[in-house]
Structures are given as C-alpha cells and as structure tokens.
C-alpha cells in the first residue's frame, strides 16, 4: 500500500469546534434564578407578615421590626 492509499487516523478528521461563550442555560442560572429567589423572599414576607400576622406591609421594611425579630430569636 502506498502512502496515498492509507486511511487517515481519527485525529486528522476535523471535529466541530465549540465556540467559547455564554450559553442560554448560564444566563438563566445567573439572572432568572436569583430573581426567583428574591420574588420568593418577598412573597414569604407578605404571606407571613401581612396575611398571617395581620400587619401593614410598610412595617416589613422598617429596621425596628427586624431588630425585634432578631432579639426574639437570639434572646438568652
């Protein structure tokens, strides 16, 4: 067999080159998931403080509310 008739090894075949970049799933992980977590936190605050606790929504955003909750949780 001459050199021209030899089958080429697998390395000589061109493989499709993967383009480095950001995939759609990566964008979903970095933007949509944190957004959903923030929405779940807000929904939990509304459900727990406004619906169950029967308080005003504006009270959730006050520092004194969270200081009181901290004091209740970590009281000796």
PDB file of N, CA and C in Angstrom:
ATOM      1  N   UNK A   1       0.835  -1.170   0.000  1.00  0.00           N
ATOM      2  CA  UNK A   1       0.000   0.000   0.000  1.00  0.00           C
ATOM      3  C   UNK A   1       0.884   1.238   0.000  1.00  0.00           C
ATOM      4  N   UNK A   2       0.538   2.199  -0.796  1.00  0.00           N
ATOM      5  CA  UNK A   2       1.328   3.425  -0.841  1.00  0.00           C
ATOM      6  C   UNK A   2       0.819   4.400   0.208  1.00  0.00           C
ATOM      7  N   UNK A   3       1.556   5.483   0.402  1.00  0.00           N
ATOM      8  CA  UNK A   3       1.216   6.473   1.421  1.00  0.00           C
ATOM      9  C   UNK A   3      -0.085   7.186   1.106  1.00  0.00           C
ATOM     10  N   UNK A   4      -0.458   7.248  -0.176  1.00  0.00           N
ATOM     11  CA  UNK A   4      -1.682   7.961  -0.550  1.00  0.00           C
ATOM     12  C   UNK A   4      -2.932   7.151  -0.252  1.00  0.00           C
ATOM     13  N   UNK A   5      -2.827   5.853  -0.225  1.00  0.00           N
ATOM     14  CA  UNK A   5      -3.998   4.998  -0.035  1.00  0.00           C
ATOM     15  C   UNK A   5      -4.258   4.654   1.425  1.00  0.00           C
ATOM     16  N   UNK A   6      -3.382   5.054   2.344  1.00  0.00           N
ATOM     17  CA  UNK A   6      -3.569   4.722   3.752  1.00  0.00           C
ATOM     18  C   UNK A   6      -4.749   5.501   4.323  1.00  0.00           C
ATOM     19  N   UNK A   7      -5.568   4.847   5.140  1.00  0.00           N
ATOM     20  CA  UNK A   7      -6.667   5.598   5.771  1.00  0.00           C
ATOM     21  C   UNK A   7      -6.080   6.569   6.795  1.00  0.00           C
ATOM     22  N   UNK A   8      -6.705   7.714   6.881  1.00  0.00           N
ATOM     23  CA  UNK A   8      -6.245   8.744   7.815  1.00  0.00           C
ATOM     24  C   UNK A   8      -6.653   8.375   9.232  1.00  0.00           C
ATOM     25  N   UNK A   9      -5.796   8.667  10.201  1.00  0.00           N
ATOM     26  CA  UNK A   9      -6.185   8.404  11.593  1.00  0.00           C
ATOM     27  C   UNK A   9      -7.324   9.330  12.026  1.00  0.00           C
ATOM     28  N   UNK A  10      -7.956   8.991  13.155  1.00  0.00           N
ATOM     29  CA  UNK A  10      -9.104   9.747  13.657  1.00  0.00           C
ATOM     30  C   UNK A  10      -8.756  11.188  13.981  1.00  0.00           C
ATOM     31  N   UNK A  11      -7.496  11.449  14.373  1.00  0.00           N
ATOM     32  CA  UNK A  11      -7.121  12.810  14.756  1.00  0.00           C
ATOM     33  C   UNK A  11      -7.147  13.764  13.568  1.00  0.00           C
ATOM     34  N   UNK A  12      -6.982  13.230  12.372  1.00  0.00           N
ATOM     35  CA  UNK A  12      -6.936  14.099  11.192  1.00  0.00           C
ATOM     36  C   UNK A  12      -8.315  14.595  10.775  1.00  0.00           C
ATOM     37  N   UNK A  13      -9.340  13.903  11.182  1.00  0.00           N
ATOM     38  CA  UNK A  13     -10.693  14.366  10.840  1.00  0.00           C
ATOM     39  C   UNK A  13     -11.020  15.608  11.639  1.00  0.00           C
ATOM     40  N   UNK A  14     -11.629  16.558  10.991  1.00  0.00           N
ATOM     41  CA  UNK A  14     -11.958  17.811  11.682  1.00  0.00           C
ATOM     42  C   UNK A  14     -13.210  17.633  12.530  1.00  0.00           C
ATOM     43  N   UNK A  15     -13.071  18.005  13.772  1.00  0.00           N
ATOM     44  CA  UNK A  15     -14.194  17.985  14.700  1.00  0.00           C
ATOM     45  C   UNK A  15     -14.820  19.367  14.710  1.00  0.00           C
ATOM     46  N   UNK A  16     -16.132  19.442  14.914  1.00  0.00           N
ATOM     47  CA  UNK A  16     -16.733  20.773  15.030  1.00  0.00           C
ATOM     48  C   UNK A  16     -16.157  21.503  16.244  1.00  0.00           C
ATOM     49  N   UNK A  17     -15.754  22.714  16.026  1.00  0.00           N
ATOM     50  CA  UNK A  17     -15.125  23.494  17.086  1.00  0.00           C
ATOM     51  C   UNK A  17     -16.217  24.129  17.930  1.00  0.00           C
ATOM     52  N   UNK A  18     -16.131  23.899  19.248  1.00  0.00           N
ATOM     53  CA  UNK A  18     -17.101  24.520  20.149  1.00  0.00           C
ATOM     54  C   UNK A  18     -16.720  25.969  20.348  1.00  0.00           C
ATOM     55  N   UNK A  19     -17.677  26.804  20.196  1.00  0.00           N
ATOM     56  CA  UNK A  19     -17.457  28.235  20.337  1.00  0.00           C
ATOM     57  C   UNK A  19     -17.498  28.604  21.811  1.00  0.00           C
ATOM     58  N   UNK A  20     -16.422  29.201  22.311  1.00  0.00           N
ATOM     59  CA  UNK A  20     -16.479  29.621  23.711  1.00  0.00           C
ATOM     60  C   UNK A  20     -17.439  30.797  23.859  1.00  0.00           C
ATOM     61  N   UNK A  21     -18.265  30.731  24.861  1.00  0.00           N
ATOM     62  CA  UNK A  21     -19.226  31.801  25.065  1.00  0.00           C
ATOM     63  C   UNK A  21     -20.203  31.433  26.157  1.00  0.00           C
ATOM     64  N   UNK A  22     -21.196  32.227  26.279  1.00  0.00           N
ATOM     65  CA  UNK A  22     -22.181  32.042  27.329  1.00  0.00           C
ATOM     66  C   UNK A  22     -23.409  31.375  26.728  1.00  0.00           C
ATOM     67  N   UNK A  23     -23.793  30.253  27.323  1.00  0.00           N
ATOM     68  CA  UNK A  23     -24.975  29.553  26.828  1.00  0.00           C
ATOM     69  C   UNK A  23     -26.242  30.155  27.441  1.00  0.00           C
ATOM     70  N   UNK A  24     -27.352  29.748  26.916  1.00  0.00           N
ATOM     71  CA  UNK A  24     -28.638  30.239  27.432  1.00  0.00           C
ATOM     72  C   UNK A  24     -28.858  29.762  28.867  1.00  0.00           C
ATOM     73  N   UNK A  25     -28.442  28.525  29.161  1.00  0.00           N
ATOM     74  CA  UNK A  25     -28.635  27.995  30.500  1.00  0.00           C
ATOM     75  C   UNK A  25     -27.819  28.787  31.515  1.00  0.00           C
ATOM     76  N   UNK A  26     -26.640  29.230  31.132  1.00  0.00           N
ATOM     77  CA  UNK A  26     -25.819  30.033  32.028  1.00  0.00           C
ATOM     78  C   UNK A  26     -26.502  31.366  32.326  1.00  0.00           C
ATOM     79  N   UNK A  27     -27.100  31.964  31.320  1.00  0.00           N
ATOM     80  CA  UNK A  27     -27.831  33.211  31.544  1.00  0.00           C
ATOM     81  C   UNK A  27     -29.015  32.994  32.481  1.00  0.00           C
ATOM     82  N   UNK A  28     -29.690  31.869  32.318  1.00  0.00           N
ATOM     83  CA  UNK A  28     -30.815  31.555  33.207  1.00  0.00           C
ATOM     84  C   UNK A  28     -30.319  31.393  34.641  1.00  0.00           C
ATOM     85  N   UNK A  29     -29.202  30.703  34.808  1.00  0.00           N
ATOM     86  CA  UNK A  29     -28.670  30.493  36.152  1.00  0.00           C
ATOM     87  C   UNK A  29     -28.284  31.809  36.812  1.00  0.00           C
ATOM     88  N   UNK A  30     -27.693  32.710  36.078  1.00  0.00           N
ATOM     89  CA  UNK A  30     -27.175  33.942  36.673  1.00  0.00           C
ATOM     90  C   UNK A  30     -28.217  35.026  36.867  1.00  0.00           C
ATOM     91  N   UNK A  31     -29.299  34.997  36.108  1.00  0.00           N
ATOM     92  CA  UNK A  31     -30.275  36.079  36.211  1.00  0.00           C
ATOM     93  C   UNK A  31     -31.644  35.627  36.687  1.00  0.00           C
ATOM     94  N   UNK A  32     -32.167  34.572  36.138  1.00  0.00           N
ATOM     95  CA  UNK A  32     -33.539  34.174  36.464  1.00  0.00           C
ATOM     96  C   UNK A  32     -33.635  33.535  37.848  1.00  0.00           C
ATOM     97  N   UNK A  33     -32.700  32.686  38.205  1.00  0.00           N
ATOM     98  CA  UNK A  33     -32.767  32.006  39.493  1.00  0.00           C
ATOM     99  C   UNK A  33     -32.663  32.987  40.660  1.00  0.00           C
ATOM    100  N   UNK A  34     -31.685  33.923  40.673  1.00  0.00           N
ATOM    101  CA  UNK A  34     -31.681  34.909  41.770  1.00  0.00           C
ATOM    102  C   UNK A  34     -32.943  35.777  41.793  1.00  0.00           C
ATOM    103  N   UNK A  35     -33.472  36.089  40.620  1.00  0.00           N
ATOM    104  CA  UNK A  35     -34.709  36.867  40.561  1.00  0.00           C
ATOM    105  C   UNK A  35     -35.865  36.098  41.189  1.00  0.00           C
ATOM    106  N   UNK A  36     -35.941  34.808  40.920  1.00  0.00           N
ATOM    107  CA  UNK A  36     -36.990  33.985  41.522  1.00  0.00           C
ATOM    108  C   UNK A  36     -36.803  33.851  43.031  1.00  0.00           C
ATOM    109  N   UNK A  37     -35.563  33.796  43.491  1.00  0.00           N
ATOM    110  CA  UNK A  37     -35.308  33.727  44.928  1.00  0.00           C
ATOM    111  C   UNK A  37     -35.750  35.010  45.635  1.00  0.00           C
ATOM    112  N   UNK A  38     -35.499  36.143  45.020  1.00  0.00           N
ATOM    113  CA  UNK A  38     -35.937  37.421  45.594  1.00  0.00           C
ATOM    114  C   UNK A  38     -37.463  37.501  45.609  1.00  0.00           C
ATOM    115  N   UNK A  39     -38.095  37.017  44.537  1.00  0.00           N
ATOM    116  CA  UNK A  39     -39.557  37.013  44.493  1.00  0.00           C
ATOM    117  C   UNK A  39     -40.131  36.085  45.566  1.00  0.00           C
ATOM    118  N   UNK A  40     -39.476  34.954  45.811  1.00  0.00           N
ATOM    119  CA  UNK A  40     -39.944  34.042  46.857  1.00  0.00           C
ATOM    120  C   UNK A  40     -39.782  34.666  48.240  1.00  0.00           C
ATOM    121  N   UNK A  41     -38.699  35.401  48.444  1.00  0.00           N
ATOM    122  CA  UNK A  41     -38.497  36.092  49.714  1.00  0.00           C
ATOM    123  C   UNK A  41     -39.586  37.145  49.934  1.00  0.00           C
ATOM    124  N   UNK A  42     -39.870  37.927  48.905  1.00  0.00           N
ATOM    125  CA  UNK A  42     -40.912  38.951  49.014  1.00  0.00           C
ATOM    126  C   UNK A  42     -42.279  38.313  49.253  1.00  0.00           C
ATOM    127  N   UNK A  43     -42.565  37.227  48.554  1.00  0.00           N
ATOM    128  CA  UNK A  43     -43.830  36.529  48.761  1.00  0.00           C
ATOM    129  C   UNK A  43     -43.946  35.957  50.161  1.00  0.00           C
ATOM    130  N   UNK A  44     -42.842  35.442  50.688  1.00  0.00           N
ATOM    131  CA  UNK A  44     -42.845  34.923  52.050  1.00  0.00           C
ATOM    132  C   UNK A  44     -43.052  36.013  53.083  1.00  0.00           C
ATOM    133  N   UNK A  45     -42.446  37.187  52.848  1.00  0.00           N
ATOM    134  CA  UNK A  45     -42.649  38.310  53.759  1.00  0.00           C
ATOM    135  C   UNK A  45     -44.101  38.753  53.777  1.00  0.00           C
ATOM    136  N   UNK A  46     -44.685  38.846  52.595  1.00  0.00           N
ATOM    137  CA  UNK A  46     -46.090  39.268  52.510  1.00  0.00           C
ATOM    138  C   UNK A  46     -46.994  38.220  53.153  1.00  0.00           C
ATOM    139  N   UNK A  47     -46.765  36.959  52.832  1.00  0.00           N
ATOM    140  CA  UNK A  47     -47.627  35.909  53.377  1.00  0.00           C
ATOM    141  C   UNK A  47     -47.498  35.813  54.894  1.00  0.00           C
ATOM    142  N   UNK A  48     -46.274  35.884  55.399  1.00  0.00           N
ATOM    143  CA  UNK A  48     -46.074  35.712  56.828  1.00  0.00           C
ATOM    144  C   UNK A  48     -46.430  36.927  57.656  1.00  0.00           C
ATOM    145  N   UNK A  49     -46.073  38.089  57.176  1.00  0.00           N
ATOM    146  CA  UNK A  49     -46.249  39.286  57.999  1.00  0.00           C
ATOM    147  C   UNK A  49     -47.600  39.953  57.774  1.00  0.00           C
ATOM    148  N   UNK A  50     -48.038  39.991  56.526  1.00  0.00           N
ATOM    149  CA  UNK A  50     -49.291  40.698  56.220  1.00  0.00           C
ATOM    150  C   UNK A  50     -50.501  39.780  56.358  1.00  0.00           C
ATOM    151  N   UNK A  51     -50.448  38.607  55.762  1.00  0.00           N
ATOM    152  CA  UNK A  51     -51.623  37.722  55.763  1.00  0.00           C
ATOM    153  C   UNK A  51     -51.775  37.006  57.104  1.00  0.00           C
ATOM    154  N   UNK A  52     -50.713  36.351  57.560  1.00  0.00           N
ATOM    155  CA  UNK A  52     -50.812  35.600  58.812  1.00  0.00           C
ATOM    156  C   UNK A  52     -50.749  36.530  60.020  1.00  0.00           C
ATOM    157  N   UNK A  53     -49.819  37.491  59.993  1.00  0.00           N
ATOM    158  CA  UNK A  53     -49.644  38.382  61.134  1.00  0.00           C
ATOM    159  C   UNK A  53     -50.607  39.550  61.186  1.00  0.00           C
ATOM    160  N   UNK A  54     -51.318  39.777  60.088  1.00  0.00           N
ATOM    161  CA  UNK A  54     -52.312  40.858  60.002  1.00  0.00           C
ATOM    162  C   UNK A  54     -51.713  42.221  60.371  1.00  0.00           C
ATOM    163  N   UNK A  55     -50.533  42.517  59.777  1.00  0.00           N
ATOM    164  CA  UNK A  55     -49.858  43.800  59.966  1.00  0.00           C
ATOM    165  C   UNK A  55     -49.777  44.524  58.641  1.00  0.00           C
ATOM    166  N   UNK A  56     -49.338  45.763  58.685  1.00  0.00           N
ATOM    167  CA  UNK A  56     -49.187  46.571  57.477  1.00  0.00           C
ATOM    168  C   UNK A  56     -47.937  46.136  56.706  1.00  0.00           C
ATOM    169  N   UNK A  57     -48.003  46.223  55.387  1.00  0.00           N
ATOM    170  CA  UNK A  57     -46.868  45.869  54.539  1.00  0.00           C
ATOM    171  C   UNK A  57     -45.691  46.810  54.771  1.00  0.00           C
ATOM    172  N   UNK A  58     -45.959  48.050  55.079  1.00  0.00           N
ATOM    173  CA  UNK A  58     -44.878  49.013  55.303  1.00  0.00           C
ATOM    174  C   UNK A  58     -44.061  48.676  56.550  1.00  0.00           C
ATOM    175  N   UNK A  59     -44.656  47.949  57.509  1.00  0.00           N
ATOM    176  CA  UNK A  59     -43.931  47.559  58.711  1.00  0.00           C
ATOM    177  C   UNK A  59     -42.822  46.553  58.423  1.00  0.00           C
ATOM    178  N   UNK A  60     -42.960  45.802  57.329  1.00  0.00           N
ATOM    179  CA  UNK A  60     -41.955  44.798  56.979  1.00  0.00           C
ATOM    180  C   UNK A  60     -40.622  45.464  56.659  1.00  0.00           C
ATOM    181  N   UNK A  61     -40.654  46.647  56.100  1.00  0.00           N
ATOM    182  CA  UNK A  61     -39.435  47.307  55.656  1.00  0.00           C
ATOM    183  C   UNK A  61     -38.775  48.168  56.729  1.00  0.00           C
ATOM    184  N   UNK A  62     -39.322  48.204  57.914  1.00  0.00           N
ATOM    185  CA  UNK A  62     -38.743  49.027  58.976  1.00  0.00           C
ATOM    186  C   UNK A  62     -37.653  48.257  59.718  1.00  0.00           C
ATOM    187  N   UNK A  63     -36.579  48.961  60.056  1.00  0.00           N
ATOM    188  CA  UNK A  63     -35.457  48.348  60.761  1.00  0.00           C
ATOM    189  C   UNK A  63     -35.862  47.852  62.145  1.00  0.00           C
ATOM    190  N   UNK A  64     -36.732  48.570  62.806  1.00  0.00           N
ATOM    191  CA  UNK A  64     -37.134  48.177  64.166  1.00  0.00           C
ATOM    192  C   UNK A  64     -37.849  46.823  64.176  1.00  0.00           C
ATOM    193  N   UNK A  65     -38.547  46.507  63.112  1.00  0.00           N
ATOM    194  CA  UNK A  65     -39.212  45.206  63.016  1.00  0.00           C
ATOM    195  C   UNK A  65     -38.183  44.083  63.023  1.00  0.00           C
ATOM    196  N   UNK A  66     -37.150  44.220  62.228  1.00  0.00           N
ATOM    197  CA  UNK A  66     -36.145  43.170  62.112  1.00  0.00           C
ATOM    198  C   UNK A  66     -35.244  43.111  63.348  1.00  0.00           C
ATOM    199  N   UNK A  67     -35.034  44.236  64.007  1.00  0.00           N
ATOM    200  CA  UNK A  67     -34.289  44.224  65.259  1.00  0.00           C
ATOM    201  C   UNK A  67     -35.085  43.454  66.315  1.00  0.00           C
ATOM    202  N   UNK A  68     -36.389  43.662  66.327  1.00  0.00           N
ATOM    203  CA  UNK A  68     -37.247  42.949  67.272  1.00  0.00           C
ATOM    204  C   UNK A  68     -37.234  41.438  66.990  1.00  0.00           C
ATOM    205  N   UNK A  69     -37.307  41.059  65.725  1.00  0.00           N
ATOM    206  CA  UNK A  69     -37.264  39.646  65.361  1.00  0.00           C
ATOM    207  C   UNK A  69     -35.931  39.035  65.766  1.00  0.00           C
ATOM    208  N   UNK A  70     -34.834  39.750  65.530  1.00  0.00           N
ATOM    209  CA  UNK A  70     -33.508  39.284  65.935  1.00  0.00           C
ATOM    210  C   UNK A  70     -33.433  39.075  67.447  1.00  0.00           C
ATOM    211  N   UNK A  71     -33.965  40.045  68.176  1.00  0.00           N
ATOM    212  CA  UNK A  71     -33.968  39.950  69.635  1.00  0.00           C
ATOM    213  C   UNK A  71     -34.799  38.762  70.120  1.00  0.00           C
ATOM    214  N   UNK A  72     -35.884  38.489  69.467  1.00  0.00           N
ATOM    215  CA  UNK A  72     -36.718  37.344  69.846  1.00  0.00           C
ATOM    216  C   UNK A  72     -35.997  36.016  69.583  1.00  0.00           C
ATOM    217  N   UNK A  73     -35.311  35.939  68.458  1.00  0.00           N
ATOM    218  CA  UNK A  73     -34.655  34.683  68.082  1.00  0.00           C
ATOM    219  C   UNK A  73     -33.431  34.417  68.935  1.00  0.00           C
ATOM    220  N   UNK A  74     -32.623  35.445  69.172  1.00  0.00           N
ATOM    221  CA  UNK A  74     -31.354  35.245  69.869  1.00  0.00           C
ATOM    222  C   UNK A  74     -31.382  35.723  71.311  1.00  0.00           C
ATOM    223  N   UNK A  75     -32.542  35.815  71.903  1.00  0.00           N
ATOM    224  CA  UNK A  75     -32.645  36.240  73.310  1.00  0.00           C
ATOM    225  C   UNK A  75     -32.098  35.126  74.219  1.00  0.00           C
ATOM    226  N   UNK A  76     -31.392  35.514  75.276  1.00  0.00           N
ATOM    227  CA  UNK A  76     -30.860  34.483  76.192  1.00  0.00           C
ATOM    228  C   UNK A  76     -31.938  33.907  77.082  1.00  0.00           C
TER     229      UNK A  76
END
